[in-house]
């Protein structure tokens, strides 16, 4: 789910087919055999055919594709897709307020997700952080989290995708040296994505735009833990008590798909081929709201390129207040679509063989 380390990004079966490819093959088989007069098809057969096409749609998506839209993996929070995916490296650097003083965190993160069924994925994520207080440095592992994510709704024509997830931050799996020594933590999340490719002709300028977002409640199971920070009295790095409170992580992204500016896009029709191999400018807004404390806010403009088997994305981290950071930071991720890179191993869900 990538929310515990503020990391991202698809849907359903994730074999490298699509609804349109499947429907085209179905149509070719139909032509080769016999043309059926629609007027002679009984109501029950029509319902069966409709259900079959819906099943094909729900079993053949890949890379966060819904209709003409591909939702790229976002970086400050996860996207609504479920898929076989490896994110590595996930790098970031930002100066921000720490325990007792401003700190600079340089992080290399990773996450791995595997389809359990066509709509449910399980995963694990973690990272390595080097924290610099100026006079002292510490490095070690970030908190490790186990995740489960379920795609609960998808609509191809209206470019809608909604998922829910739950992560378990494993208690004391992170280092004390930079505040990652946390108790067991539960993180329920809802993810959403909506493209505007279904906009009417009068609002055709809206079609390349999309919005995605995530809302996560981080709930620690105990109220305090011990981590290192700068003692205000001595000015030295030393163990200190950290108060653990519920924190709401929430954010959204605005995206602009170049696909809608090409001849590959036809208004009102599903694409003939997957809408991949495109640049997608985007800006993410991320907020962390600890209970009883000020919200940390950042704006993150960047650019993603989505290929057939991978995605690369980078963005600036621009603090919107002092809690969000002291200077402009940077973040970059490489996403690997494992079902395309290793189809023999990741071509089907674990429970769908």
Protein backbone atom coordinates (compact mmCIF):
# COMPACT_ATOMS: atom_id res chain seq x y z
CA UNK A 1 0.00 0.00 0.00
CA UNK A 2 3.02 2.32 0.26
CA UNK A 3 1.11 4.64 2.60
CA UNK A 4 3.27 3.86 5.68
CA UNK A 5 6.40 5.24 3.98
CA UNK A 6 4.31 7.72 1.91
CA UNK A 7 4.77 5.60 -1.19
CA UNK A 8 2.58 4.45 -4.46
CA UNK A 9 0.15 3.22 -7.57
CA UNK A 10 -3.34 -1.91 -11.09
CA UNK A 11 -6.21 -3.60 -11.67
CA UNK A 12 -7.72 -7.07 -11.70
CA UNK A 13 -6.19 -9.93 -13.64
CA UNK A 14 -3.06 -8.11 -14.81
CA UNK A 15 -2.20 -10.49 -17.61
CA UNK A 16 -1.16 -8.36 -20.59
CA UNK A 17 -4.58 -8.30 -22.29
CA UNK A 18 -7.37 -5.76 -22.23
CA UNK A 19 -11.10 -5.69 -22.52
CA UNK A 20 -10.89 -4.39 -26.04
CA UNK A 21 -8.38 -6.98 -27.14
CA UNK A 22 -10.55 -9.72 -25.69
CA UNK A 23 -13.68 -8.28 -27.26
CA UNK A 24 -11.94 -7.99 -30.64
CA UNK A 25 -10.87 -11.63 -30.50
CA UNK A 26 -14.40 -12.60 -29.54
CA UNK A 27 -15.73 -10.62 -32.46
CA UNK A 28 -13.31 -12.31 -34.88
CA UNK A 29 -14.38 -15.74 -33.71
CA UNK A 30 -17.98 -14.71 -34.12
CA UNK A 31 -17.39 -13.58 -37.71
CA UNK A 32 -15.54 -16.77 -38.62
CA UNK A 33 -18.40 -18.95 -37.39
CA UNK A 34 -21.78 -17.38 -38.06
CA UNK A 35 -23.51 -14.02 -37.88
CA UNK A 36 -26.27 -14.07 -35.32
CA UNK A 37 -29.25 -11.81 -35.77
CA UNK A 38 -29.59 -9.78 -32.56
CA UNK A 39 -33.36 -9.86 -32.87
CA UNK A 40 -33.32 -13.68 -32.54
CA UNK A 41 -31.19 -13.75 -29.39
CA UNK A 42 -33.33 -14.48 -26.36
CA UNK A 43 -33.27 -12.27 -23.31
CA UNK A 44 -31.46 -14.86 -21.23
CA UNK A 45 -28.71 -15.24 -23.85
CA UNK A 46 -28.27 -11.48 -24.01
CA UNK A 47 -27.77 -11.36 -20.27
CA UNK A 48 -25.27 -14.20 -20.52
CA UNK A 49 -23.29 -12.41 -23.22
CA UNK A 50 -23.28 -9.19 -21.22
CA UNK A 51 -22.07 -11.01 -18.12
CA UNK A 52 -19.36 -12.70 -20.17
CA UNK A 53 -18.08 -9.39 -21.53
CA UNK A 54 -18.06 -7.89 -18.04
CA UNK A 55 -16.08 -10.86 -16.80
CA UNK A 56 -13.60 -10.43 -19.65
CA UNK A 57 -13.26 -6.75 -18.73
CA UNK A 58 -12.66 -7.61 -15.08
CA UNK A 59 -10.10 -10.28 -15.92
CA UNK A 60 -7.93 -8.62 -18.53
CA UNK A 61 -6.87 -5.22 -17.21
CA UNK A 62 -3.28 -4.26 -16.56
CA UNK A 63 -1.21 -1.35 -15.25
CA UNK A 64 -4.13 0.58 -13.73
CA UNK A 65 -5.93 0.80 -17.06
CA UNK A 66 -9.63 1.62 -16.99
CA UNK A 67 -11.13 2.36 -20.39
CA UNK A 68 -8.93 4.89 -22.21
CA UNK A 69 -7.29 5.87 -18.94
CA UNK A 70 -4.13 4.63 -17.30
CA UNK A 71 -3.65 5.78 -13.72
CA UNK A 72 0.12 5.97 -13.21
CA UNK A 73 1.67 4.94 -9.93
CA UNK A 74 1.77 7.99 -7.66
CA UNK A 75 4.68 8.69 -5.33
CA UNK A 76 3.44 10.50 -2.22
CA UNK A 77 0.64 7.95 -1.71
CA UNK A 78 -0.58 4.81 -3.40
CA UNK A 79 -2.80 4.65 -6.48
CA UNK A 80 -6.10 2.68 -6.69
CA UNK A 81 -4.74 -0.24 -8.72
CA UNK A 82 -3.98 -3.80 -7.63
CA UNK A 83 -1.31 -5.68 -9.55
CA UNK A 84 1.87 -7.77 -9.55
CA UNK A 85 4.40 -5.02 -9.00
CA UNK A 86 7.86 -4.27 -7.64
CA UNK A 87 8.71 -0.67 -6.78
CA UNK A 88 12.48 -0.27 -6.46
CA UNK A 89 14.20 1.99 -5.98
CA UNK A 90 11.86 4.50 -4.35
CA UNK A 91 14.18 7.37 -3.48
CA UNK A 92 13.47 10.61 -1.66
CA UNK A 93 15.32 13.42 0.10
CA UNK A 94 13.75 16.12 2.26
CA UNK A 95 14.69 18.45 5.13
CA UNK A 96 11.88 18.67 7.68
CA UNK A 97 11.22 19.12 11.42
CA UNK A 98 12.43 16.15 13.50
CA UNK A 99 12.69 15.23 17.16
CA UNK A 100 14.11 18.39 18.72
CA UNK A 101 15.70 19.81 15.54
CA UNK A 102 15.42 20.00 11.76
CA UNK A 103 16.66 16.84 10.02
CA UNK A 104 17.38 15.74 6.46
CA UNK A 105 16.11 12.28 5.55
CA UNK A 106 17.55 10.41 2.56
CA UNK A 107 15.41 7.33 1.94
CA UNK A 108 15.57 4.32 -0.36
CA UNK A 109 12.34 2.37 -0.19
CA UNK A 110 10.83 -0.67 -1.85
CA UNK A 111 7.51 -2.47 -2.09
CA UNK A 112 6.39 -5.78 -3.57
CA UNK A 113 2.77 -6.75 -4.28
CA UNK A 114 1.37 -10.03 -5.57
CA UNK A 115 -2.12 -10.78 -6.83
CA UNK A 116 -3.90 -13.21 -4.55
CA UNK A 117 -7.03 -13.19 -6.71
CA UNK A 118 -7.93 -11.12 -9.76
CA UNK A 119 -9.00 -8.21 -7.52
CA UNK A 120 -7.03 -8.72 -4.29
CA UNK A 121 -3.31 -8.21 -3.77
CA UNK A 122 -1.02 -8.83 -0.81
CA UNK A 123 2.31 -7.12 -0.30
CA UNK A 124 5.24 -6.06 1.84
CA UNK A 125 7.11 -2.78 1.95
CA UNK A 126 10.02 -1.21 3.74
CA UNK A 127 13.06 0.99 3.28
CA UNK A 128 16.40 2.31 4.48
CA UNK A 129 16.80 5.83 5.87
CA UNK A 130 19.83 7.95 6.63
CA UNK A 131 18.97 10.88 8.90
CA UNK A 132 21.26 13.88 9.27
CA UNK A 133 20.90 16.29 12.20
CA UNK A 134 23.96 18.23 11.09
CA UNK A 135 26.08 17.38 14.12
CA UNK A 136 25.03 13.72 14.14
CA UNK A 137 23.85 11.09 11.68
CA UNK A 138 21.92 7.84 12.08
CA UNK A 139 20.81 5.23 9.54
CA UNK A 140 18.81 2.02 9.56
CA UNK A 141 15.68 0.26 8.41
CA UNK A 142 12.33 2.00 8.16
CA UNK A 143 9.22 0.28 9.49
CA UNK A 144 8.23 -2.87 7.59
CA UNK A 145 4.56 -3.20 6.67
CA UNK A 146 2.38 -6.02 5.37
CA UNK A 147 -0.50 -4.99 3.12
CA UNK A 148 -3.71 -6.28 1.56
CA UNK A 149 -5.68 -4.37 -1.08
CA UNK A 150 -9.01 -5.03 -2.78
CA UNK A 151 -10.40 -3.48 -5.96
CA UNK A 152 -14.07 -2.97 -5.10
CA UNK A 153 -15.36 -1.02 -8.12
CA UNK A 154 -14.35 -0.30 -11.70
CA UNK A 155 -16.16 1.35 -14.61
CA UNK A 156 -14.36 1.41 -17.96
CA UNK A 157 -16.61 3.85 -19.79
CA UNK A 158 -16.59 6.39 -16.96
CA UNK A 159 -12.93 5.76 -16.00
CA UNK A 160 -13.60 5.06 -12.33
CA UNK A 161 -11.57 2.86 -9.99
CA UNK A 162 -12.07 2.45 -6.21
CA UNK A 163 -10.06 0.21 -3.87
CA UNK A 164 -9.77 -0.42 -0.15
CA UNK A 165 -6.73 -1.60 1.76
CA UNK A 166 -5.32 -2.47 5.15
CA UNK A 167 -1.68 -2.37 6.24
CA UNK A 168 -0.02 -3.65 9.40
CA UNK A 169 3.09 -1.76 10.42
CA UNK A 170 5.12 -4.39 12.26
CA UNK A 171 5.99 -3.07 15.69
CA UNK A 172 9.65 -2.21 16.41
CA UNK A 173 10.77 -3.28 12.92
CA UNK A 174 12.29 0.17 12.32
CA UNK A 175 15.38 1.76 13.83
CA UNK A 176 15.33 4.09 16.86
CA UNK A 177 17.89 6.38 15.25
CA UNK A 178 15.37 8.30 13.15
CA UNK A 179 11.97 7.80 14.76
CA UNK A 180 11.00 4.51 13.09
CA UNK A 181 10.81 2.51 16.33
CA UNK A 182 7.02 2.43 16.37
CA UNK A 183 4.51 0.05 17.96
CA UNK A 184 2.26 -2.22 15.93
CA UNK A 185 0.22 0.07 13.68
CA UNK A 186 -2.97 -0.48 11.67
CA UNK A 187 -3.58 1.58 8.53
CA UNK A 188 -7.00 1.22 6.82
CA UNK A 189 -7.12 3.07 3.49
CA UNK A 190 -9.49 3.96 0.68
CA UNK A 191 -8.09 4.70 -2.81
CA UNK A 192 -9.93 6.29 -5.73
CA UNK A 193 -9.37 7.39 -9.30
CA UNK A 194 -11.61 9.22 -11.78
CA UNK A 195 -10.77 10.18 -15.34
CA UNK A 196 -12.75 12.74 -17.32
CA UNK A 197 -12.50 11.07 -20.70
CA UNK A 198 -16.30 10.71 -20.61
CA UNK A 199 -16.79 14.49 -20.62
CA UNK A 200 -19.30 15.74 -23.25
CA UNK A 201 -18.15 17.49 -26.41
CA UNK A 202 -18.81 20.88 -24.88
CA UNK A 203 -16.23 20.10 -22.19
CA UNK A 204 -13.82 18.12 -24.35
CA UNK A 205 -10.86 20.06 -22.89
CA UNK A 206 -11.47 18.13 -19.64
CA UNK A 207 -10.90 14.71 -21.17
CA UNK A 208 -7.13 14.45 -20.62
CA UNK A 209 -7.53 15.25 -16.91
CA UNK A 210 -7.90 12.78 -14.07
CA UNK A 211 -7.84 12.82 -10.29
CA UNK A 212 -6.66 10.10 -7.91
CA UNK A 213 -6.34 10.07 -4.16
CA UNK A 214 -5.98 8.10 -0.95
CA UNK A 215 -7.14 8.51 2.66
CA UNK A 216 -5.32 6.53 5.38
CA UNK A 217 -5.83 6.46 9.14
CA UNK A 218 -2.62 5.42 10.93
CA UNK A 219 -3.56 3.99 14.34
CA UNK A 220 -0.71 3.03 16.73
CA UNK A 221 -1.53 0.25 19.19
CA UNK A 222 0.39 1.86 22.08
CA UNK A 223 0.72 5.48 23.12
CA UNK A 224 4.49 5.95 23.28
CA UNK A 225 7.86 4.58 22.16
CA UNK A 226 11.56 5.37 22.49
CA UNK A 227 13.43 7.03 19.61
CA UNK A 228 16.51 9.20 19.24
CA UNK A 229 16.29 12.97 19.01
CA UNK A 230 18.08 16.16 19.98
CA UNK A 231 17.71 16.89 23.70
CA UNK A 232 16.67 20.54 24.03
CA UNK A 233 18.62 20.97 27.29
CA UNK A 234 21.92 19.33 26.31
CA UNK A 235 21.78 19.73 22.55
CA UNK A 236 22.99 16.14 22.25
CA UNK A 237 21.49 13.21 20.38
CA UNK A 238 19.93 10.91 22.96
CA UNK A 239 16.99 8.52 23.50
CA UNK A 240 13.73 10.30 24.19
CA UNK A 241 10.09 9.42 24.63
CA UNK A 242 7.98 9.74 21.47
CA UNK A 243 4.22 10.22 21.74
CA UNK A 244 2.25 8.06 19.28
CA UNK A 245 -1.09 9.50 18.14
CA UNK A 246 -3.59 8.71 15.41
CA UNK A 247 -2.54 10.37 12.14
CA UNK A 248 -4.66 10.97 9.07
CA UNK A 249 -2.63 10.71 5.85
CA UNK A 250 -4.59 12.08 2.92
CA UNK A 251 -3.87 13.41 -0.52
CA UNK A 252 -4.90 13.69 -4.14
CA UNK A 253 -3.27 14.08 -7.53
CA UNK A 254 -4.22 15.96 -10.68
CA UNK A 255 -3.03 14.25 -13.88
CA UNK A 256 -2.96 15.09 -17.59
CA UNK A 257 -2.86 12.18 -20.04
CA UNK A 258 -1.11 12.84 -23.36
CA UNK A 259 -2.98 9.86 -24.84
CA UNK A 260 -6.06 12.04 -25.38
CA UNK A 261 -4.09 14.34 -27.68
CA UNK A 262 -3.19 11.53 -30.10
CA UNK A 263 -5.02 9.74 -32.89
CA UNK A 264 -5.16 6.63 -30.70
CA UNK A 265 -8.04 8.17 -28.77
CA UNK A 266 -11.60 8.06 -30.14
CA UNK A 267 -14.28 9.80 -28.01
CA UNK A 268 -16.89 7.42 -26.64
CA UNK A 269 -15.03 4.25 -27.63
CA UNK A 270 -12.76 1.91 -25.73
CA UNK A 271 -9.19 1.82 -27.07
CA UNK A 272 -8.03 -0.72 -29.62
CA UNK A 273 -4.72 -1.08 -27.80
CA UNK A 274 -3.63 -0.38 -24.23
CA UNK A 275 -3.09 3.37 -23.62
CA UNK A 276 0.55 2.88 -22.66
CA UNK A 277 3.82 4.48 -23.86
CA UNK A 278 2.86 7.99 -22.80
CA UNK A 279 4.05 10.87 -20.62
CA UNK A 280 1.70 11.99 -17.86
CA UNK A 281 2.39 15.32 -16.11
CA UNK A 282 0.92 15.34 -12.61
CA UNK A 283 0.90 17.24 -9.35
CA UNK A 284 0.27 15.53 -6.02
CA UNK A 285 -0.90 17.20 -2.82
CA UNK A 286 -0.07 15.26 0.36
CA UNK A 287 -1.12 15.99 3.95
CA UNK A 288 -0.26 14.37 7.29
CA UNK A 289 -2.56 15.37 10.14
CA UNK A 290 -1.54 14.01 13.58
CA UNK A 291 -4.26 14.28 16.20
CA UNK A 292 -3.80 17.44 18.23
CA UNK A 293 -0.93 18.72 16.07
CA UNK A 294 -0.49 20.84 12.96
CA UNK A 295 -0.89 19.31 9.51
CA UNK A 296 2.21 18.85 7.35
CA UNK A 297 1.41 19.77 3.74
CA UNK A 298 3.37 19.42 0.51
CA UNK A 299 2.77 20.01 -3.19
CA UNK A 300 4.59 17.60 -5.49
CA UNK A 301 4.70 18.46 -9.22
CA UNK A 302 6.28 15.85 -11.44
CA UNK A 303 6.24 13.72 -14.56
CA UNK A 304 5.59 10.01 -15.15
CA UNK A 305 6.31 7.85 -18.18
CA UNK A 306 4.33 4.61 -18.46
CA UNK A 307 5.69 1.86 -20.70
CA UNK A 308 4.42 -1.66 -21.30
CA UNK A 309 6.46 -3.30 -18.51
CA UNK A 310 7.66 -0.41 -16.35
CA UNK A 311 7.03 3.14 -15.21
CA UNK A 312 9.42 5.82 -14.06
CA UNK A 313 8.32 8.96 -12.24
CA UNK A 314 9.98 11.88 -10.48
CA UNK A 315 8.69 14.93 -8.66
CA UNK A 316 9.73 17.85 -6.52
CA UNK A 317 8.61 18.03 -2.88
CA UNK A 318 7.52 21.61 -2.21
CA UNK A 319 6.55 22.33 1.42
CA UNK A 320 3.32 24.29 1.81
CA UNK A 321 4.03 25.04 5.49
CA UNK A 322 6.91 24.68 7.95
CA UNK A 323 5.65 21.29 9.11
CA UNK A 324 5.83 20.00 5.54
CA UNK A 325 9.53 20.76 5.18
CA UNK A 326 12.23 23.39 5.30
CA UNK A 327 13.49 23.26 1.71
CA UNK A 328 12.43 21.75 -1.62
CA UNK A 329 13.07 18.03 -1.75
CA UNK A 330 12.93 15.40 -4.47
CA UNK A 331 11.35 11.97 -4.96
CA UNK A 332 11.75 9.37 -7.76
CA UNK A 333 10.40 5.83 -8.19
CA UNK A 334 10.83 2.96 -10.65
CA UNK A 335 7.81 0.67 -11.02
CA UNK A 336 8.25 -2.79 -12.55
CA UNK A 337 5.14 -4.61 -13.87
CA UNK A 338 6.03 -8.18 -12.99
CA UNK A 339 3.26 -9.84 -14.99
CA UNK A 340 4.86 -8.46 -18.17
CA UNK A 341 8.48 -8.87 -17.16
CA UNK A 342 8.06 -12.46 -15.91
CA UNK A 343 4.73 -13.77 -17.24
CA UNK A 344 5.60 -17.41 -16.53
CA UNK A 345 5.89 -16.59 -12.82
CA UNK A 346 3.42 -13.73 -12.40
CA UNK A 347 0.99 -14.30 -15.25
CA UNK A 348 -1.86 -15.45 -12.98
CA UNK A 349 -3.05 -14.74 -9.43
CA UNK A 350 -1.88 -17.14 -6.73
CA UNK A 351 -5.42 -18.48 -6.30
CA UNK A 352 -6.30 -18.33 -10.00
CA UNK A 353 -4.07 -21.00 -11.48
